[in-house]
Amino acid sequence: MEFCPKCGSLLVPVSSEGKTYLVCRKCGYKKEASSKKGYMVRGEVTEDKKEKLLVVEGIRNREKEKIEEEREIIKEYYEVFLESMESEEE
């Protein structure tokens, strides 16, 4: 992995005219690669890596539970408030 001496971006290998060059996509800097072998990246993507599952429902349930708890606390405070107002009136 090499970086551009001008702007610091990653140099990407590009094949052109039978040679491999390292090219900066940001500023256009170009230099010939010293070795072809070091810049070949190949790999297979398996089916389990292609599929991802995101569960958002769990978060919503937690939010609903939190809201319900807050409502119950507010109800309790309101009841205590009403009781204290009634006792002050007497």
Protein backbone atom coordinates (compact mmCIF):
# COMPACT_ATOMS: atom_id res chain seq x y z
CA MET A 1 0.00 0.00 0.00
CA GLU A 2 1.43 3.33 -1.04
CA PHE A 3 0.26 6.90 -0.68
CA CYS A 4 0.53 9.91 -2.99
CA PRO A 5 3.49 12.17 -2.17
CA LYS A 6 1.52 15.22 -3.35
CA CYS A 7 -1.83 14.91 -1.56
CA GLY A 8 -1.52 11.83 0.68
CA SER A 9 -4.34 9.82 -0.94
CA LEU A 10 -4.11 6.09 -1.54
CA LEU A 11 -2.43 5.11 -4.81
CA VAL A 12 -4.56 2.64 -6.81
CA PRO A 13 -3.04 0.10 -9.22
CA VAL A 14 -4.08 0.55 -12.85
CA SER A 15 -2.98 -1.57 -15.82
CA SER A 16 -2.20 0.35 -18.99
CA GLU A 17 -0.20 -0.60 -22.09
CA GLY A 18 0.94 -3.88 -20.49
CA LYS A 19 2.38 -2.11 -17.43
CA THR A 20 1.02 -1.53 -13.95
CA TYR A 21 0.93 2.02 -12.65
CA LEU A 22 0.02 3.42 -9.26
CA VAL A 23 -2.36 6.33 -9.80
CA CYS A 24 -3.79 8.87 -7.38
CA ARG A 25 -7.50 9.36 -8.07
CA LYS A 26 -7.53 12.70 -6.32
CA CYS A 27 -4.72 14.68 -7.95
CA GLY A 28 -3.70 12.45 -10.88
CA TYR A 29 -0.15 11.61 -9.72
CA LYS A 30 1.14 8.52 -11.56
CA LYS A 31 4.17 6.28 -11.11
CA GLU A 32 5.15 2.87 -12.42
CA ALA A 33 4.66 0.03 -9.95
CA SER A 34 7.84 -1.69 -8.85
CA SER A 35 6.21 -5.13 -8.69
CA LYS A 36 3.01 -6.49 -10.23
CA LYS A 37 2.60 -9.29 -7.71
CA GLY A 38 2.20 -7.04 -4.69
CA TYR A 39 -0.82 -5.27 -6.17
CA MET A 40 -3.02 -8.18 -7.23
CA VAL A 41 -5.98 -8.59 -4.94
CA ARG A 42 -8.39 -11.41 -5.62
CA GLY A 43 -10.94 -13.16 -3.51
CA GLU A 44 -14.28 -14.86 -3.63
CA VAL A 45 -17.33 -13.58 -1.84
CA THR A 46 -19.33 -16.38 -0.26
CA GLU A 47 -23.12 -16.37 0.01
CA ASP A 48 -23.07 -15.76 3.77
CA LYS A 49 -21.05 -12.57 3.25
CA LYS A 50 -23.45 -11.31 0.60
CA GLU A 51 -26.50 -11.46 2.84
CA LYS A 52 -26.82 -9.34 5.93
CA LEU A 53 -29.76 -9.08 8.26
CA LEU A 54 -30.62 -6.00 10.27
CA VAL A 55 -33.20 -6.21 13.02
CA VAL A 56 -34.69 -2.84 13.82
CA GLU A 57 -37.75 -4.16 15.65
CA GLY A 58 -35.77 -4.81 18.83
CA ILE A 59 -34.85 -1.15 19.07
CA ARG A 60 -38.45 -0.08 18.57
CA ASN A 61 -39.64 -2.42 21.32
CA ARG A 62 -37.10 -0.95 23.72
CA GLU A 63 -38.21 2.56 22.83
CA LYS A 64 -41.85 1.62 23.39
CA GLU A 65 -41.02 0.09 26.78
CA LYS A 66 -39.10 3.21 27.76
CA ILE A 67 -42.01 5.46 26.75
CA GLU A 68 -44.46 3.32 28.72
CA GLU A 69 -42.24 3.48 31.81
CA GLU A 70 -42.00 7.26 31.50
CA ARG A 71 -45.79 7.53 31.20
CA GLU A 72 -46.27 5.46 34.35
CA ILE A 73 -43.81 7.64 36.26
CA ILE A 74 -45.62 10.78 35.10
CA LYS A 75 -48.96 9.29 36.19
CA GLU A 76 -47.52 8.56 39.63
CA TYR A 77 -46.16 12.12 39.95
CA TYR A 78 -49.55 13.50 38.86
CA GLU A 79 -51.39 11.39 41.45
CA VAL A 80 -49.01 12.55 44.21
CA PHE A 81 -49.49 16.13 43.06
CA LEU A 82 -53.27 15.81 43.20
CA GLU A 83 -53.11 14.25 46.68
CA SER A 84 -50.87 17.05 47.94
CA MET A 85 -53.24 19.68 46.47
CA GLU A 86 -56.21 18.03 48.17
CA SER A 87 -54.42 17.93 51.52
CA GLU A 88 -53.50 21.62 51.23
CA GLU A 89 -57.11 22.59 50.55
CA GLU A 90 -58.31 20.84 53.72
